[in-house]
Amino acid sequence: MPKLKTNRAAAKRFKFSKNNKIKRKSMNTRHILTKKGPKRRRRLRGMTLVVDADWKSVVRLMPYGVR
């Protein structure tokens, strides 16, 4: 059986944690930040986790990311 290919777009957007949770960057951080409050902008800075409903589809795109 041939090797599976990793989707390169997904590899740039997602990272796996040590407990097989998938981290992603927060959305709504690119532009129009003037109308968003400082507390909201601070909260959007960090990484968040992918929800369980989308976990399986992200794993299909990155077969060798799962530990």
PDB file of N, CA and C in Angstrom:
ATOM      1  N   MET A   1       0.849  -1.185   0.000  1.00  0.00           N
ATOM      2  CA  MET A   1       0.000   0.000   0.000  1.00  0.00           C
ATOM      3  C   MET A   1       0.888   1.239   0.000  1.00  0.00           C
ATOM      4  N   PRO A   2       0.570   2.225  -0.837  1.00  0.00           N
ATOM      5  CA  PRO A   2       1.427   3.413  -0.906  1.00  0.00           C
ATOM      6  C   PRO A   2       1.262   4.309   0.323  1.00  0.00           C
ATOM      7  N   LYS A   3       2.242   5.169   0.492  1.00  0.00           N
ATOM      8  CA  LYS A   3       2.179   6.120   1.600  1.00  0.00           C
ATOM      9  C   LYS A   3       1.042   7.112   1.367  1.00  0.00           C
ATOM     10  N   LEU A   4       0.465   7.590   2.449  1.00  0.00           N
ATOM     11  CA  LEU A   4      -0.581   8.609   2.357  1.00  0.00           C
ATOM     12  C   LEU A   4       0.069   9.982   2.321  1.00  0.00           C
ATOM     13  N   LYS A   5      -0.540  10.888   1.590  1.00  0.00           N
ATOM     14  CA  LYS A   5       0.008  12.239   1.515  1.00  0.00           C
ATOM     15  C   LYS A   5      -0.683  13.135   2.533  1.00  0.00           C
ATOM     16  N   THR A   6       0.104  13.987   3.159  1.00  0.00           N
ATOM     17  CA  THR A   6      -0.422  14.993   4.071  1.00  0.00           C
ATOM     18  C   THR A   6      -0.873  16.190   3.253  1.00  0.00           C
ATOM     19  N   ASN A   7      -2.029  16.711   3.570  1.00  0.00           N
ATOM     20  CA  ASN A   7      -2.495  17.932   2.922  1.00  0.00           C
ATOM     21  C   ASN A   7      -1.667  19.097   3.443  1.00  0.00           C
ATOM     22  N   ARG A   8      -0.908  19.760   2.575  1.00  0.00           N
ATOM     23  CA  ARG A   8       0.043  20.777   3.000  1.00  0.00           C
ATOM     24  C   ARG A   8      -0.648  22.028   3.541  1.00  0.00           C
ATOM     25  N   ALA A   9      -1.822  22.346   3.034  1.00  0.00           N
ATOM     26  CA  ALA A   9      -2.562  23.500   3.555  1.00  0.00           C
ATOM     27  C   ALA A   9      -2.977  23.257   4.998  1.00  0.00           C
ATOM     28  N   ALA A  10      -3.406  22.031   5.293  1.00  0.00           N
ATOM     29  CA  ALA A  10      -3.808  21.687   6.659  1.00  0.00           C
ATOM     30  C   ALA A  10      -2.591  21.654   7.581  1.00  0.00           C
ATOM     31  N   ALA A  11      -1.463  21.180   7.077  1.00  0.00           N
ATOM     32  CA  ALA A  11      -0.253  21.098   7.898  1.00  0.00           C
ATOM     33  C   ALA A  11       0.219  22.480   8.336  1.00  0.00           C
ATOM     34  N   LYS A  12      -0.039  23.490   7.516  1.00  0.00           N
ATOM     35  CA  LYS A  12       0.366  24.852   7.871  1.00  0.00           C
ATOM     36  C   LYS A  12      -0.596  25.488   8.869  1.00  0.00           C
ATOM     37  N   ARG A  13      -1.830  24.989   8.931  1.00  0.00           N
ATOM     38  CA  ARG A  13      -2.850  25.625   9.768  1.00  0.00           C
ATOM     39  C   ARG A  13      -3.057  24.960  11.119  1.00  0.00           C
ATOM     40  N   PHE A  14      -2.756  23.679  11.222  1.00  0.00           N
ATOM     41  CA  PHE A  14      -3.051  22.929  12.437  1.00  0.00           C
ATOM     42  C   PHE A  14      -1.794  22.314  13.027  1.00  0.00           C
ATOM     43  N   LYS A  15      -1.772  22.191  14.362  1.00  0.00           N
ATOM     44  CA  LYS A  15      -0.693  21.517  15.073  1.00  0.00           C
ATOM     45  C   LYS A  15      -1.325  20.536  16.059  1.00  0.00           C
ATOM     46  N   PHE A  16      -0.669  19.404  16.279  1.00  0.00           N
ATOM     47  CA  PHE A  16      -1.161  18.426  17.238  1.00  0.00           C
ATOM     48  C   PHE A  16      -0.517  18.671  18.597  1.00  0.00           C
ATOM     49  N   SER A  17      -1.322  18.575  19.657  1.00  0.00           N
ATOM     50  CA  SER A  17      -0.776  18.657  21.008  1.00  0.00           C
ATOM     51  C   SER A  17      -0.331  17.250  21.411  1.00  0.00           C
ATOM     52  N   LYS A  18       0.252  17.132  22.584  1.00  0.00           N
ATOM     53  CA  LYS A  18       0.737  15.829  23.023  1.00  0.00           C
ATOM     54  C   LYS A  18      -0.392  14.848  23.316  1.00  0.00           C
ATOM     55  N   ASN A  19      -1.583  15.368  23.615  1.00  0.00           N
ATOM     56  CA  ASN A  19      -2.730  14.504  23.918  1.00  0.00           C
ATOM     57  C   ASN A  19      -3.622  14.288  22.713  1.00  0.00           C
ATOM     58  N   ASN A  20      -3.071  14.467  21.501  1.00  0.00           N
ATOM     59  CA  ASN A  20      -3.809  14.283  20.243  1.00  0.00           C
ATOM     60  C   ASN A  20      -4.957  15.259  20.079  1.00  0.00           C
ATOM     61  N   LYS A  21      -4.885  16.397  20.719  1.00  0.00           N
ATOM     62  CA  LYS A  21      -5.844  17.447  20.434  1.00  0.00           C
ATOM     63  C   LYS A  21      -5.244  18.319  19.348  1.00  0.00           C
ATOM     64  N   ILE A  22      -6.077  18.949  18.559  1.00  0.00           N
ATOM     65  CA  ILE A  22      -5.586  19.737  17.433  1.00  0.00           C
ATOM     66  C   ILE A  22      -5.746  21.212  17.755  1.00  0.00           C
ATOM     67  N   LYS A  23      -4.645  21.960  17.651  1.00  0.00           N
ATOM     68  CA  LYS A  23      -4.659  23.394  17.928  1.00  0.00           C
ATOM     69  C   LYS A  23      -4.778  24.153  16.619  1.00  0.00           C
ATOM     70  N   ARG A  24      -5.462  25.301  16.682  1.00  0.00           N
ATOM     71  CA  ARG A  24      -5.607  26.156  15.512  1.00  0.00           C
ATOM     72  C   ARG A  24      -5.571  27.602  15.940  1.00  0.00           C
ATOM     73  N   LYS A  25      -5.315  28.495  15.002  1.00  0.00           N
ATOM     74  CA  LYS A  25      -5.300  29.926  15.278  1.00  0.00           C
ATOM     75  C   LYS A  25      -6.735  30.422  15.351  1.00  0.00           C
ATOM     76  N   SER A  26      -6.992  31.431  16.173  1.00  0.00           N
ATOM     77  CA  SER A  26      -8.332  32.005  16.275  1.00  0.00           C
ATOM     78  C   SER A  26      -8.690  32.762  15.007  1.00  0.00           C
ATOM     79  N   MET A  27      -9.974  32.769  14.674  1.00  0.00           N
ATOM     80  CA  MET A  27     -10.416  33.516  13.503  1.00  0.00           C
ATOM     81  C   MET A  27     -10.751  34.953  13.905  1.00  0.00           C
ATOM     82  N   ASN A  28     -11.067  35.774  12.940  1.00  0.00           N
ATOM     83  CA  ASN A  28     -11.424  37.190  13.131  1.00  0.00           C
ATOM     84  C   ASN A  28     -10.264  38.031  13.652  1.00  0.00           C
ATOM     85  N   THR A  29      -9.044  37.736  13.229  1.00  0.00           N
ATOM     86  CA  THR A  29      -7.899  38.502  13.723  1.00  0.00           C
ATOM     87  C   THR A  29      -7.133  39.207  12.606  1.00  0.00           C
ATOM     88  N   ARG A  30      -7.631  39.183  11.379  1.00  0.00           N
ATOM     89  CA  ARG A  30      -6.861  39.686  10.248  1.00  0.00           C
ATOM     90  C   ARG A  30      -7.029  41.196  10.015  1.00  0.00           C
ATOM     91  N   HIS A  31      -8.249  41.666  10.015  1.00  0.00           N
ATOM     92  CA  HIS A  31      -8.464  43.092   9.729  1.00  0.00           C
ATOM     93  C   HIS A  31      -9.735  43.554  10.437  1.00  0.00           C
ATOM     94  N   ILE A  32     -10.041  44.829  10.326  1.00  0.00           N
ATOM     95  CA  ILE A  32     -11.173  45.464  11.027  1.00  0.00           C
ATOM     96  C   ILE A  32     -11.052  45.216  12.532  1.00  0.00           C
ATOM     97  N   LEU A  33      -9.877  45.476  13.077  1.00  0.00           N
ATOM     98  CA  LEU A  33      -9.658  45.265  14.501  1.00  0.00           C
ATOM     99  C   LEU A  33     -10.020  46.488  15.325  1.00  0.00           C
ATOM    100  N   THR A  34     -10.276  47.624  14.661  1.00  0.00           N
ATOM    101  CA  THR A  34     -10.550  48.853  15.404  1.00  0.00           C
ATOM    102  C   THR A  34     -11.865  48.773  16.166  1.00  0.00           C
ATOM    103  N   LYS A  35     -12.838  48.081  15.611  1.00  0.00           N
ATOM    104  CA  LYS A  35     -14.136  47.995  16.293  1.00  0.00           C
ATOM    105  C   LYS A  35     -14.180  46.892  17.340  1.00  0.00           C
ATOM    106  N   LYS A  36     -13.162  46.059  17.401  1.00  0.00           N
ATOM    107  CA  LYS A  36     -13.100  45.009  18.419  1.00  0.00           C
ATOM    108  C   LYS A  36     -12.376  45.550  19.647  1.00  0.00           C
ATOM    109  N   GLY A  37     -12.899  45.229  20.799  1.00  0.00           N
ATOM    110  CA  GLY A  37     -12.333  45.747  22.042  1.00  0.00           C
ATOM    111  C   GLY A  37     -10.985  45.127  22.367  1.00  0.00           C
ATOM    112  N   PRO A  38     -10.215  45.769  23.245  1.00  0.00           N
ATOM    113  CA  PRO A  38      -8.894  45.235  23.588  1.00  0.00           C
ATOM    114  C   PRO A  38      -8.949  43.868  24.280  1.00  0.00           C
ATOM    115  N   LYS A  39      -9.979  43.650  25.079  1.00  0.00           N
ATOM    116  CA  LYS A  39     -10.123  42.360  25.761  1.00  0.00           C
ATOM    117  C   LYS A  39     -10.376  41.246  24.745  1.00  0.00           C
ATOM    118  N   ARG A  40     -11.199  41.545  23.753  1.00  0.00           N
ATOM    119  CA  ARG A  40     -11.502  40.569  22.708  1.00  0.00           C
ATOM    120  C   ARG A  40     -10.273  40.290  21.847  1.00  0.00           C
ATOM    121  N   ARG A  41      -9.524  41.315  21.518  1.00  0.00           N
ATOM    122  CA  ARG A  41      -8.303  41.135  20.705  1.00  0.00           C
ATOM    123  C   ARG A  41      -7.262  40.311  21.447  1.00  0.00           C
ATOM    124  N   ARG A  42      -7.133  40.524  22.752  1.00  0.00           N
ATOM    125  CA  ARG A  42      -6.204  39.741  23.559  1.00  0.00           C
ATOM    126  C   ARG A  42      -6.596  38.264  23.574  1.00  0.00           C
ATOM    127  N   ARG A  43      -7.887  38.021  23.705  1.00  0.00           N
ATOM    128  CA  ARG A  43      -8.382  36.650  23.760  1.00  0.00           C
ATOM    129  C   ARG A  43      -8.182  35.922  22.421  1.00  0.00           C
ATOM    130  N   LEU A  44      -8.260  36.672  21.325  1.00  0.00           N
ATOM    131  CA  LEU A  44      -8.100  36.080  19.997  1.00  0.00           C
ATOM    132  C   LEU A  44      -6.643  35.791  19.649  1.00  0.00           C
ATOM    133  N   ARG A  45      -5.715  36.320  20.423  1.00  0.00           N
ATOM    134  CA  ARG A  45      -4.289  36.189  20.125  1.00  0.00           C
ATOM    135  C   ARG A  45      -3.810  34.741  20.145  1.00  0.00           C
ATOM    136  N   GLY A  46      -4.263  33.973  21.123  1.00  0.00           N
ATOM    137  CA  GLY A  46      -3.710  32.640  21.338  1.00  0.00           C
ATOM    138  C   GLY A  46      -4.300  31.582  20.431  1.00  0.00           C
ATOM    139  N   MET A  47      -3.894  30.352  20.670  1.00  0.00           N
ATOM    140  CA  MET A  47      -4.395  29.214  19.908  1.00  0.00           C
ATOM    141  C   MET A  47      -5.623  28.649  20.618  1.00  0.00           C
ATOM    142  N   THR A  48      -6.521  28.054  19.844  1.00  0.00           N
ATOM    143  CA  THR A  48      -7.693  27.380  20.397  1.00  0.00           C
ATOM    144  C   THR A  48      -7.703  25.940  19.890  1.00  0.00           C
ATOM    145  N   LEU A  49      -8.614  25.142  20.399  1.00  0.00           N
ATOM    146  CA  LEU A  49      -8.697  23.741  19.992  1.00  0.00           C
ATOM    147  C   LEU A  49      -9.777  23.553  18.941  1.00  0.00           C
ATOM    148  N   VAL A  50      -9.557  22.608  18.055  1.00  0.00           N
ATOM    149  CA  VAL A  50     -10.560  22.235  17.060  1.00  0.00           C
ATOM    150  C   VAL A  50     -11.649  21.454  17.781  1.00  0.00           C
ATOM    151  N   VAL A  51     -12.906  21.727  17.461  1.00  0.00           N
ATOM    152  CA  VAL A  51     -14.020  21.043  18.132  1.00  0.00           C
ATOM    153  C   VAL A  51     -14.042  19.569  17.718  1.00  0.00           C
ATOM    154  N   ASP A  52     -14.660  18.748  18.548  1.00  0.00           N
ATOM    155  CA  ASP A  52     -14.687  17.299  18.324  1.00  0.00           C
ATOM    156  C   ASP A  52     -15.365  16.919  17.012  1.00  0.00           C
ATOM    157  N   ALA A  53     -16.359  17.698  16.585  1.00  0.00           N
ATOM    158  CA  ALA A  53     -17.071  17.386  15.349  1.00  0.00           C
ATOM    159  C   ALA A  53     -16.163  17.494  14.130  1.00  0.00           C
ATOM    160  N   ASP A  54     -15.152  18.355  14.167  1.00  0.00           N
ATOM    161  CA  ASP A  54     -14.251  18.547  13.031  1.00  0.00           C
ATOM    162  C   ASP A  54     -12.954  17.771  13.160  1.00  0.00           C
ATOM    163  N   TRP A  55     -12.718  17.131  14.297  1.00  0.00           N
ATOM    164  CA  TRP A  55     -11.452  16.457  14.566  1.00  0.00           C
ATOM    165  C   TRP A  55     -11.154  15.382  13.526  1.00  0.00           C
ATOM    166  N   LYS A  56     -12.155  14.581  13.207  1.00  0.00           N
ATOM    167  CA  LYS A  56     -11.963  13.459  12.299  1.00  0.00           C
ATOM    168  C   LYS A  56     -11.570  13.928  10.899  1.00  0.00           C
ATOM    169  N   SER A  57     -12.193  14.991  10.424  1.00  0.00           N
ATOM    170  CA  SER A  57     -11.881  15.467   9.081  1.00  0.00           C
ATOM    171  C   SER A  57     -10.487  16.075   9.012  1.00  0.00           C
ATOM    172  N   VAL A  58     -10.025  16.715  10.086  1.00  0.00           N
ATOM    173  CA  VAL A  58      -8.666  17.258  10.102  1.00  0.00           C
ATOM    174  C   VAL A  58      -7.649  16.124  10.154  1.00  0.00           C
ATOM    175  N   VAL A  59      -7.955  15.080  10.886  1.00  0.00           N
ATOM    176  CA  VAL A  59      -7.042  13.929  10.975  1.00  0.00           C
ATOM    177  C   VAL A  59      -6.908  13.255   9.616  1.00  0.00           C
ATOM    178  N   ARG A  60      -7.985  13.221   8.821  1.00  0.00           N
ATOM    179  CA  ARG A  60      -7.900  12.641   7.480  1.00  0.00           C
ATOM    180  C   ARG A  60      -6.945  13.424   6.592  1.00  0.00           C
ATOM    181  N   LEU A  61      -6.885  14.738   6.806  1.00  0.00           N
ATOM    182  CA  LEU A  61      -5.991  15.565   6.003  1.00  0.00           C
ATOM    183  C   LEU A  61      -4.536  15.410   6.445  1.00  0.00           C
ATOM    184  N   MET A  62      -4.331  15.042   7.719  1.00  0.00           N
ATOM    185  CA  MET A  62      -2.981  14.914   8.265  1.00  0.00           C
ATOM    186  C   MET A  62      -2.812  13.531   8.897  1.00  0.00           C
ATOM    187  N   PRO A  63      -2.644  12.488   8.094  1.00  0.00           N
ATOM    188  CA  PRO A  63      -2.631  11.134   8.646  1.00  0.00           C
ATOM    189  C   PRO A  63      -1.444  10.832   9.552  1.00  0.00           C
ATOM    190  N   TYR A  64      -0.321  11.545   9.379  1.00  0.00           N
ATOM    191  CA  TYR A  64       0.859  11.238  10.187  1.00  0.00           C
ATOM    192  C   TYR A  64       1.019  12.189  11.365  1.00  0.00           C
ATOM    193  N   GLY A  65       0.044  13.053  11.590  1.00  0.00           N
ATOM    194  CA  GLY A  65       0.116  13.954  12.728  1.00  0.00           C
ATOM    195  C   GLY A  65      -0.322  13.297  14.020  1.00  0.00           C
ATOM    196  N   VAL A  66      -1.196  12.291  13.911  1.00  0.00           N
ATOM    197  CA  VAL A  66      -1.739  11.618  15.089  1.00  0.00           C
ATOM    198  C   VAL A  66      -0.644  10.770  15.729  1.00  0.00           C
ATOM    199  N   ARG A  67      -0.571  10.846  17.035  1.00  0.00           N
ATOM    200  CA  ARG A  67       0.441  10.064  17.770  1.00  0.00           C
ATOM    201  C   ARG A  67      -0.188   8.851  18.401  1.00  0.00           C
TER     202      ARG A  67
END
